[in-house]
Amino acid sequence: MIVAEQKPLSEIMEMTKGFKNILVLGCGTCVTVCFAGGDKEAEILASSIRMASRLKENPQEATHLTVQRQCEWEYLDLAADAIKSADVVISLACGVGAQAIVERFPEARMAPGLNTRFYGLPVKHGVWEERCAGCGDCVLDYTSGICPVSRCSKSLLNGPCGGSQNGKCEVDKSIDCAWHFIVEKMTAQGTLDKLAEPHAPKNWRAGRDGGPGRIVREDLLREKARGAEEGKS
């Protein structure tokens, strides 16, 4: 899941300064799970904006609405009227959802209400940890299901650096050493010899290099085209 956290109220108030009609738009998936941008958080933020603006004697009208996913047109379109009528939309979604608003509604003014942090999971109640960096060239088979790109502080791909002690990273003693876990698991599974095998350099170009990522499924495009043609006949 995408993990995010809400921006401080003071920062949100600064971004929306001068706007009277504010829509706080929540998102019902990842950011709901991490308690950052769901319907409850959207309602609380809208209320906080109203109260804070009144204290500054410059009252603002703030309402809230939540869609299932801000990153898909079919769900975002359900909020079209509210988005178009607002002076500014505070997006409580990840950066993808926030940008989807301005792509779908070019005239809309948007302010991000969250800081998108990483792809992660809840390790216990109230704690989320990164597990994937979206590098585009997954090596989890090589490292027995533990990601060295996101979980190693140095993103090392060819074994531990030698600086860890007692399973803790030398960068920060509160961080577990990913390679300590990898070696322990592979030892227990009897697969440690895989690390001695020559391993091709990672294809970093599949990640951020070369511009924004894009995936095209030609089979799905053809399927849609066939459906359109059948609909005409």
Protein backbone atom coordinates (compact mmCIF):
# COMPACT_ATOMS: atom_id res chain seq x y z
CA MET A 1 0.00 0.00 0.00
CA ILE A 2 1.02 3.62 -0.47
CA VAL A 3 1.78 5.18 2.91
CA ALA A 4 1.32 8.90 3.47
CA GLU A 5 0.96 11.34 6.35
CA GLN A 6 -1.08 14.50 6.65
CA LYS A 7 0.64 17.84 6.33
CA PRO A 8 0.56 20.15 9.38
CA LEU A 9 -2.60 22.26 9.62
CA SER A 10 -0.50 25.43 9.53
CA GLU A 11 0.91 24.44 6.12
CA ILE A 12 -2.53 23.57 4.77
CA MET A 13 -3.93 26.90 6.01
CA GLU A 14 -1.10 28.75 4.27
CA MET A 15 -1.77 26.92 0.96
CA THR A 16 -5.48 27.75 1.12
CA LYS A 17 -5.11 31.34 2.27
CA GLY A 18 -7.40 33.66 0.31
CA PHE A 19 -9.82 30.92 -0.77
CA LYS A 20 -13.34 30.98 0.65
CA ASN A 21 -14.92 27.77 -0.62
CA ILE A 22 -12.72 24.77 0.18
CA LEU A 23 -13.35 21.11 -0.61
CA VAL A 24 -11.41 18.49 1.35
CA LEU A 25 -11.42 15.41 -0.87
CA GLY A 26 -10.61 12.12 0.82
CA CYS A 27 -9.53 8.85 -0.78
CA GLY A 28 -10.97 5.51 0.30
CA THR A 29 -8.07 3.14 -0.26
CA CYS A 30 -4.41 3.24 0.84
CA VAL A 31 -4.49 6.52 2.77
CA THR A 32 -7.63 5.39 4.56
CA VAL A 33 -5.79 2.30 5.81
CA CYS A 34 -2.89 4.40 7.14
CA PHE A 35 -5.32 6.88 8.76
CA ALA A 36 -4.12 9.86 6.72
CA GLY A 37 -6.77 10.67 4.14
CA GLY A 38 -9.97 8.69 4.59
CA ASP A 39 -13.47 10.05 5.19
CA LYS A 40 -12.88 10.52 8.92
CA GLU A 41 -9.65 12.45 8.33
CA ALA A 42 -11.31 14.55 5.62
CA GLU A 43 -14.17 15.47 7.96
CA ILE A 44 -11.79 16.38 10.80
CA LEU A 45 -9.60 18.50 8.51
CA ALA A 46 -12.59 20.38 7.09
CA SER A 47 -13.77 21.13 10.64
CA SER A 48 -10.26 22.20 11.67
CA ILE A 49 -10.03 24.61 8.73
CA ARG A 50 -13.36 26.18 9.61
CA MET A 51 -12.36 26.67 13.23
CA ALA A 52 -8.85 27.93 12.46
CA SER A 53 -10.12 30.43 9.90
CA ARG A 54 -12.69 31.80 12.33
CA LEU A 55 -10.02 32.31 14.95
CA LYS A 56 -8.14 34.41 12.40
CA GLU A 57 -11.37 36.35 11.73
CA ASN A 58 -11.29 35.33 8.10
CA PRO A 59 -13.88 32.54 8.00
CA GLN A 60 -13.64 29.93 5.25
CA GLU A 61 -16.26 27.43 4.19
CA ALA A 62 -14.78 23.93 4.17
CA THR A 63 -16.75 20.82 3.21
CA HIS A 64 -15.56 17.26 2.76
CA LEU A 65 -16.24 14.40 0.38
CA THR A 66 -14.56 11.02 -0.11
CA VAL A 67 -14.29 8.94 -3.27
CA GLN A 68 -13.22 5.31 -3.47
CA ARG A 69 -10.04 6.12 -5.41
CA GLN A 70 -8.82 9.51 -6.59
CA CYS A 71 -6.46 7.89 -9.09
CA GLU A 72 -9.22 6.55 -11.37
CA TRP A 73 -11.46 8.71 -13.53
CA GLU A 74 -14.63 6.71 -12.90
CA TYR A 75 -14.46 7.40 -9.17
CA LEU A 76 -13.12 10.94 -9.44
CA ASP A 77 -15.94 11.88 -11.81
CA LEU A 78 -18.43 11.21 -9.01
CA ALA A 79 -17.03 14.30 -7.27
CA ALA A 80 -17.05 16.45 -10.44
CA ASP A 81 -19.72 18.91 -9.30
CA ALA A 82 -18.11 19.46 -5.90
CA ILE A 83 -14.64 19.88 -7.43
CA LYS A 84 -15.83 22.38 -10.04
CA SER A 85 -17.73 24.47 -7.49
CA ALA A 86 -14.84 24.71 -5.01
CA ASP A 87 -12.30 27.55 -5.04
CA VAL A 88 -9.61 25.04 -4.08
CA VAL A 89 -9.55 21.28 -3.50
CA ILE A 90 -7.38 19.86 -0.74
CA SER A 91 -6.47 16.37 -1.91
CA LEU A 92 -6.09 13.82 0.87
CA ALA A 93 -4.63 11.24 -1.51
CA CYS A 94 -1.17 10.19 -2.56
CA GLY A 95 0.64 12.32 -5.12
CA VAL A 96 -0.94 10.29 -7.92
CA GLY A 97 -4.47 11.04 -6.78
CA ALA A 98 -3.65 14.70 -6.23
CA GLN A 99 -2.31 15.05 -9.77
CA ALA A 100 -5.27 13.12 -11.17
CA ILE A 101 -7.55 15.94 -10.01
CA VAL A 102 -5.79 18.60 -12.09
CA GLU A 103 -5.47 16.27 -15.09
CA ARG A 104 -9.19 15.47 -15.06
CA PHE A 105 -10.30 18.99 -14.15
CA PRO A 106 -7.73 21.40 -15.65
CA GLU A 107 -9.47 24.49 -14.24
CA ALA A 108 -9.44 23.17 -10.68
CA ARG A 109 -7.10 24.59 -8.05
CA MET A 110 -5.56 21.82 -5.97
CA ALA A 111 -3.52 21.82 -2.77
CA PRO A 112 -1.91 18.58 -1.49
CA GLY A 113 -2.99 17.73 2.02
CA LEU A 114 -0.65 14.76 2.41
CA ASN A 115 3.02 13.95 2.04
CA THR A 116 3.41 10.63 0.20
CA ARG A 117 6.14 8.63 1.91
CA PHE A 118 6.61 5.09 0.56
CA TYR A 119 5.12 1.69 -0.33
CA GLY A 120 4.83 -0.21 2.90
CA LEU A 121 2.78 -2.24 5.34
CA PRO A 122 1.52 -1.90 8.91
CA VAL A 123 3.93 -3.89 11.08
CA LYS A 124 1.79 -3.15 14.14
CA HIS A 125 -1.01 -0.78 15.05
CA GLY A 126 0.10 2.77 14.31
CA VAL A 127 3.43 1.79 12.70
CA TRP A 128 4.08 1.54 8.94
CA GLU A 129 7.40 0.55 7.38
CA GLU A 130 8.69 0.76 3.82
CA ARG A 131 8.92 -2.49 1.90
CA CYS A 132 9.17 -1.48 -1.78
CA ALA A 133 10.81 1.36 -3.70
CA GLY A 134 9.02 0.73 -6.99
CA CYS A 135 12.36 0.24 -8.75
CA GLY A 136 10.84 -1.61 -11.72
CA ASP A 137 13.29 -4.54 -11.61
CA CYS A 138 12.31 -6.80 -8.72
CA VAL A 139 15.04 -9.00 -7.19
CA LEU A 140 13.00 -10.62 -4.41
CA ASP A 141 13.61 -14.11 -5.77
CA TYR A 142 17.37 -13.58 -5.48
CA THR A 143 17.10 -12.32 -1.89
CA SER A 144 14.43 -14.75 -0.62
CA GLY A 145 11.62 -12.22 -0.48
CA ILE A 146 13.41 -9.42 1.39
CA CYS A 147 13.99 -6.23 -0.61
CA PRO A 148 17.54 -4.86 -0.35
CA VAL A 149 16.65 -1.73 -2.35
CA SER A 150 14.07 -0.38 0.08
CA ARG A 151 15.13 -2.06 3.34
CA CYS A 152 18.91 -1.63 3.16
CA SER A 153 19.90 1.96 4.04
CA LYS A 154 22.49 1.85 1.24
CA SER A 155 20.36 -0.17 -1.21
CA LEU A 156 23.18 -2.69 -1.56
CA LEU A 157 22.53 -5.52 -4.00
CA ASN A 158 25.54 -7.78 -3.53
CA GLY A 159 25.58 -8.62 0.13
CA PRO A 160 26.03 -6.78 3.43
CA CYS A 161 28.42 -3.86 3.78
CA GLY A 162 30.13 -5.22 6.90
CA GLY A 163 29.23 -2.24 9.07
CA SER A 164 26.23 -3.72 10.84
CA GLN A 165 26.39 -5.01 14.40
CA ASN A 166 23.99 -7.38 16.12
CA GLY A 167 21.60 -7.16 13.19
CA LYS A 168 21.41 -3.36 13.30
CA CYS A 169 22.42 -0.88 10.58
CA GLU A 170 25.47 1.30 11.08
CA VAL A 171 23.56 4.26 9.60
CA ASP A 172 21.05 4.17 12.46
CA LYS A 173 21.01 1.63 15.29
CA SER A 174 17.20 1.67 15.31
CA ILE A 175 17.14 0.25 11.75
CA ASP A 176 17.31 -3.49 11.22
CA CYS A 177 19.97 -4.62 8.76
CA ALA A 178 18.14 -6.00 5.72
CA TRP A 179 21.08 -8.17 4.70
CA HIS A 180 21.21 -9.68 8.18
CA PHE A 181 17.64 -10.88 7.60
CA ILE A 182 18.44 -12.04 4.06
CA VAL A 183 21.47 -14.09 5.12
CA GLU A 184 19.63 -15.58 8.12
CA LYS A 185 16.66 -16.61 6.01
CA MET A 186 18.73 -18.04 3.17
CA THR A 187 20.87 -19.95 5.66
CA ALA A 188 17.75 -21.48 7.22
CA GLN A 189 16.42 -22.40 3.79
CA GLY A 190 19.72 -23.83 2.64
CA THR A 191 19.95 -21.39 -0.27
CA LEU A 192 22.83 -19.19 0.88
CA ASP A 193 25.00 -20.47 -1.95
CA LYS A 194 22.84 -18.40 -4.36
CA LEU A 195 24.63 -15.28 -3.13
CA ALA A 196 27.91 -16.69 -4.41
CA GLU A 197 26.55 -17.00 -7.94
CA PRO A 198 27.37 -14.24 -10.43
CA HIS A 199 24.39 -11.89 -10.54
CA ALA A 200 23.80 -9.47 -13.42
CA PRO A 201 23.85 -5.76 -12.50
CA LYS A 202 20.43 -4.41 -11.67
CA ASN A 203 18.55 -2.58 -14.41
CA TRP A 204 18.15 0.80 -12.73
CA ARG A 205 16.75 2.23 -15.97
CA ALA A 206 13.49 0.45 -15.19
CA GLY A 207 12.98 2.85 -12.28
CA ARG A 208 13.23 6.64 -12.37
CA ASP A 209 15.85 7.03 -15.09
CA GLY A 210 14.57 8.02 -18.52
CA GLY A 211 11.51 10.00 -17.46
CA PRO A 212 8.10 9.05 -16.09
CA GLY A 213 7.30 5.35 -16.17
CA ARG A 214 4.67 4.01 -18.53
CA ILE A 215 3.19 0.56 -19.09
CA VAL A 216 1.24 -0.23 -22.26
CA ARG A 217 -0.78 -3.46 -22.51
CA GLU A 218 -1.38 -3.93 -26.22
CA ASP A 219 -3.69 -6.89 -25.57
CA LEU A 220 -6.01 -4.74 -23.47
CA LEU A 221 -5.98 -1.96 -26.06
CA ARG A 222 -6.94 -4.47 -28.77
CA GLU A 223 -9.65 -5.92 -26.55
CA LYS A 224 -11.15 -2.48 -26.00
CA ALA A 225 -10.97 -1.70 -29.71
CA ARG A 226 -12.76 -4.98 -30.54
CA GLY A 227 -15.45 -4.18 -28.01
CA ALA A 228 -15.97 -0.76 -29.56
CA GLU A 229 -16.26 -2.25 -33.03
CA GLU A 230 -18.73 -4.89 -31.86
CA GLY A 231 -20.78 -2.17 -30.22
CA LYS A 232 -21.11 -0.38 -33.55
CA SER A 233 -22.31 -3.47 -35.39
